[in-house]
Amino acid sequence: MSISRPLGPEPKPGHEFATLGGGCFWCLEAVYMELQGVCDVESGYSGGTVANPTYEAVCDGVTGHAEVVRIEFDPAALSYRQILEVFFSIHDPTTLNRQGNDVGTQYRSVIFYHSEVQEDTARAVIAEYGEHSVRPVVTEVLPAQIYWRAETYHQEYFRQHPDQGYCAVVVRPKVAKFRKTFAALQKR
């Protein structure tokens, strides 16, 4: 896909971006904020056709965008493969356009790669995961597209609202699973 304008800011020297969609961005953001080697996590939208999308328009399914997180990480401290291993452990990559009760293309499983190495790694991890999955993996692997930062109130949502209904029932169990499964990769 040819993009006529820049994708946005570049990561700091020596760092990379990973852009992932796997359901509600609050879940992914909450987990990746706790991962060592991650410098920044931002909730946003990507993969659609509407410029400057709003949360309401994305949720209505009229923009083509997925809810995503853009992760800035230090590959010397955390590999892209490790980021994807966490990704596949905290969402269901076998359900098309849904995660649990969240239904629509905005909740699709998608990896937006930022380099050929990331693309190759993503395809390899998907193949490995697929060997052990009962159902086919439906995760899309696409080149990075224009990323739109979500509204400020979505940033660090779980950290600010841990007792909000969705956070307590959906986000908190995913964070707990991450903490148990990937304890060695948590920030200290």
Protein backbone atom coordinates (compact mmCIF):
# COMPACT_ATOMS: atom_id res chain seq x y z
CA MET A 1 0.00 0.00 0.00
CA SER A 2 1.37 3.40 -0.94
CA ILE A 3 0.88 6.13 1.61
CA SER A 4 1.08 9.70 0.39
CA ARG A 5 1.83 11.22 3.79
CA PRO A 6 4.10 10.30 6.67
CA LEU A 7 2.95 7.67 9.15
CA GLY A 8 3.72 10.00 12.03
CA PRO A 9 6.63 10.43 14.39
CA GLU A 10 9.56 8.09 14.27
CA PRO A 11 10.63 6.06 17.29
CA LYS A 12 13.65 7.22 19.28
CA PRO A 13 17.03 6.15 17.82
CA GLY A 14 17.59 2.45 18.43
CA HIS A 15 13.91 1.83 19.18
CA GLU A 16 11.10 0.37 17.07
CA PHE A 17 7.34 0.60 16.88
CA ALA A 18 4.99 -2.37 17.02
CA THR A 19 1.37 -1.69 16.08
CA LEU A 20 -1.16 -4.33 17.10
CA GLY A 21 -4.93 -4.72 17.17
CA GLY A 22 -6.49 -7.46 19.26
CA GLY A 23 -9.84 -6.27 20.54
CA CYS A 24 -10.31 -3.32 22.84
CA PHE A 25 -7.15 -1.22 23.02
CA TRP A 26 -7.55 -0.76 26.79
CA CYS A 27 -6.64 -4.45 27.27
CA LEU A 28 -3.54 -4.37 25.11
CA GLU A 29 -2.33 -1.05 26.48
CA ALA A 30 -2.66 -2.21 30.10
CA VAL A 31 -0.54 -5.31 29.44
CA TYR A 32 2.16 -3.71 27.31
CA MET A 33 2.66 -0.87 29.78
CA GLU A 34 3.99 -3.50 32.22
CA LEU A 35 6.40 -5.15 29.78
CA GLN A 36 10.12 -4.51 30.25
CA GLY A 37 11.76 -2.90 27.23
CA VAL A 38 8.58 -0.99 26.37
CA CYS A 39 9.16 2.76 26.44
CA ASP A 40 5.70 3.97 25.48
CA VAL A 41 2.26 2.55 24.68
CA GLU A 42 -0.42 4.60 23.01
CA SER A 43 -4.00 3.67 22.11
CA GLY A 44 -5.19 4.63 18.65
CA TYR A 45 -6.74 3.65 15.36
CA SER A 46 -5.29 2.28 12.13
CA GLY A 47 -6.20 0.36 9.01
CA GLY A 48 -9.20 2.38 7.90
CA THR A 49 -10.06 5.03 5.37
CA VAL A 50 -11.33 7.92 7.51
CA ALA A 51 -8.94 10.69 8.55
CA ASN A 52 -9.00 11.83 12.19
CA PRO A 53 -11.46 9.14 13.30
CA THR A 54 -13.35 9.48 16.55
CA TYR A 55 -13.96 6.68 19.01
CA GLU A 56 -17.68 6.83 18.30
CA ALA A 57 -17.17 6.50 14.52
CA VAL A 58 -14.71 3.63 14.97
CA CYS A 59 -17.13 1.84 17.34
CA ASP A 60 -19.95 2.33 14.83
CA GLY A 61 -17.82 0.38 12.34
CA VAL A 62 -17.98 3.06 9.63
CA THR A 63 -14.27 3.96 9.43
CA GLY A 64 -12.60 0.64 8.64
CA HIS A 65 -10.13 1.32 11.47
CA ALA A 66 -9.15 -1.19 14.11
CA GLU A 67 -8.53 -0.24 17.71
CA VAL A 68 -4.77 -0.63 18.06
CA VAL A 69 -1.88 0.08 20.35
CA ARG A 70 1.36 1.55 19.11
CA ILE A 71 4.19 0.28 21.25
CA GLU A 72 7.61 1.90 21.26
CA PHE A 73 10.18 -0.60 22.46
CA ASP A 74 13.92 -1.15 22.76
CA PRO A 75 14.80 -4.28 20.75
CA ALA A 76 17.98 -4.66 22.80
CA ALA A 77 15.81 -5.28 25.89
CA LEU A 78 12.74 -6.94 24.32
CA SER A 79 12.42 -8.69 20.98
CA TYR A 80 9.58 -8.21 18.54
CA ARG A 81 8.98 -11.97 18.82
CA GLN A 82 8.43 -11.58 22.58
CA ILE A 83 5.95 -8.75 21.92
CA LEU A 84 4.04 -11.07 19.59
CA GLU A 85 4.17 -13.99 22.02
CA VAL A 86 2.49 -11.77 24.60
CA PHE A 87 0.00 -10.60 21.95
CA PHE A 88 -1.08 -14.13 21.10
CA SER A 89 -1.46 -15.02 24.78
CA ILE A 90 -3.79 -12.13 25.68
CA HIS A 91 -6.31 -12.24 22.84
CA ASP A 92 -8.01 -14.86 20.68
CA PRO A 93 -6.50 -14.73 17.18
CA THR A 94 -9.00 -17.31 15.90
CA THR A 95 -12.19 -15.23 16.14
CA LEU A 96 -12.94 -13.11 13.10
CA ASN A 97 -13.78 -9.50 13.90
CA ARG A 98 -14.44 -10.08 17.58
CA GLN A 99 -12.95 -10.52 21.01
CA GLY A 100 -15.44 -11.90 23.49
CA ASN A 101 -18.52 -9.70 23.46
CA ASP A 102 -16.75 -6.97 21.45
CA VAL A 103 -17.91 -7.55 17.87
CA GLY A 104 -17.00 -5.68 14.68
CA THR A 105 -14.07 -5.10 12.36
CA GLN A 106 -12.72 -2.52 14.81
CA TYR A 107 -11.90 -5.46 17.15
CA ARG A 108 -10.13 -7.59 14.54
CA SER A 109 -6.83 -9.31 15.18
CA VAL A 110 -4.21 -7.47 13.14
CA ILE A 111 -0.47 -6.87 13.09
CA PHE A 112 0.73 -3.75 11.26
CA TYR A 113 4.40 -4.38 10.58
CA HIS A 114 7.00 -1.60 10.31
CA SER A 115 9.73 -3.55 8.50
CA GLU A 116 10.29 -6.71 6.49
CA VAL A 117 11.88 -8.30 9.56
CA GLN A 118 8.72 -7.60 11.57
CA GLU A 119 6.59 -9.05 8.77
CA ASP A 120 8.70 -12.23 8.63
CA THR A 121 8.60 -12.58 12.42
CA ALA A 122 4.83 -12.06 12.50
CA ARG A 123 4.22 -14.70 9.85
CA ALA A 124 6.55 -17.16 11.62
CA VAL A 125 4.87 -16.65 15.02
CA ILE A 126 1.42 -17.04 13.44
CA ALA A 127 2.51 -20.29 11.78
CA GLU A 128 3.88 -21.61 15.08
CA TYR A 129 0.73 -20.61 16.96
CA GLY A 130 -1.40 -22.17 14.22
CA GLU A 131 0.31 -25.53 14.64
CA HIS A 132 -1.12 -25.77 18.18
CA SER A 133 -4.48 -24.09 17.59
CA VAL A 134 -7.67 -26.05 17.11
CA ARG A 135 -9.12 -23.29 14.92
CA PRO A 136 -7.40 -21.33 12.12
CA VAL A 137 -5.64 -18.09 13.01
CA VAL A 138 -7.37 -15.13 11.34
CA THR A 139 -4.86 -12.44 12.35
CA GLU A 140 -4.18 -10.07 9.47
CA VAL A 141 -0.57 -9.09 8.73
CA LEU A 142 -0.43 -5.73 6.96
CA PRO A 143 2.11 -2.99 6.34
CA ALA A 144 1.95 -0.13 8.84
CA GLN A 145 -0.63 2.42 7.83
CA ILE A 146 -1.44 5.89 9.05
CA TYR A 147 -1.89 5.74 12.80
CA TRP A 148 -4.30 8.05 14.56
CA ARG A 149 -3.88 8.63 18.29
CA ALA A 150 -7.08 7.95 20.24
CA GLU A 151 -8.66 10.62 22.37
CA THR A 152 -6.77 11.55 25.54
CA TYR A 153 -9.30 9.91 27.85
CA HIS A 154 -8.42 6.51 26.33
CA GLN A 155 -4.74 6.77 27.20
CA GLU A 156 -3.74 4.72 30.27
CA TYR A 157 -7.44 3.95 30.73
CA PHE A 158 -7.05 0.86 32.93
CA ARG A 159 -4.50 2.55 35.15
CA GLN A 160 -6.90 5.44 35.71
CA HIS A 161 -10.13 3.39 35.96
CA PRO A 162 -9.28 -0.08 37.32
CA ASP A 163 -12.70 -0.51 38.94
CA GLN A 164 -14.76 0.60 35.94
CA GLY A 165 -17.04 -2.30 34.90
CA TYR A 166 -15.32 -3.31 31.63
CA CYS A 167 -11.90 -2.91 33.21
CA ALA A 168 -12.80 -5.05 36.22
CA VAL A 169 -14.41 -7.84 34.17
CA VAL A 170 -12.35 -7.89 30.95
CA VAL A 171 -9.09 -5.96 31.31
CA ARG A 172 -8.07 -7.06 34.82
CA PRO A 173 -8.15 -10.82 34.01
CA LYS A 174 -5.97 -10.27 30.92
CA VAL A 175 -3.46 -8.29 32.96
CA ALA A 176 -3.47 -11.03 35.65
CA LYS A 177 -2.89 -13.72 33.00
CA PHE A 178 0.01 -11.72 31.56
CA ARG A 179 1.55 -11.25 35.01
CA LYS A 180 1.35 -14.98 35.72
CA THR A 181 2.52 -16.18 32.30
CA PHE A 182 5.22 -13.57 31.64
CA ALA A 183 6.45 -12.69 35.13
CA ALA A 184 10.07 -12.68 33.94
CA LEU A 185 9.28 -10.00 31.35
CA GLN A 186 7.51 -7.56 33.68
CA LYS A 187 9.02 -4.20 34.51
CA ARG A 188 10.58 -4.19 37.94
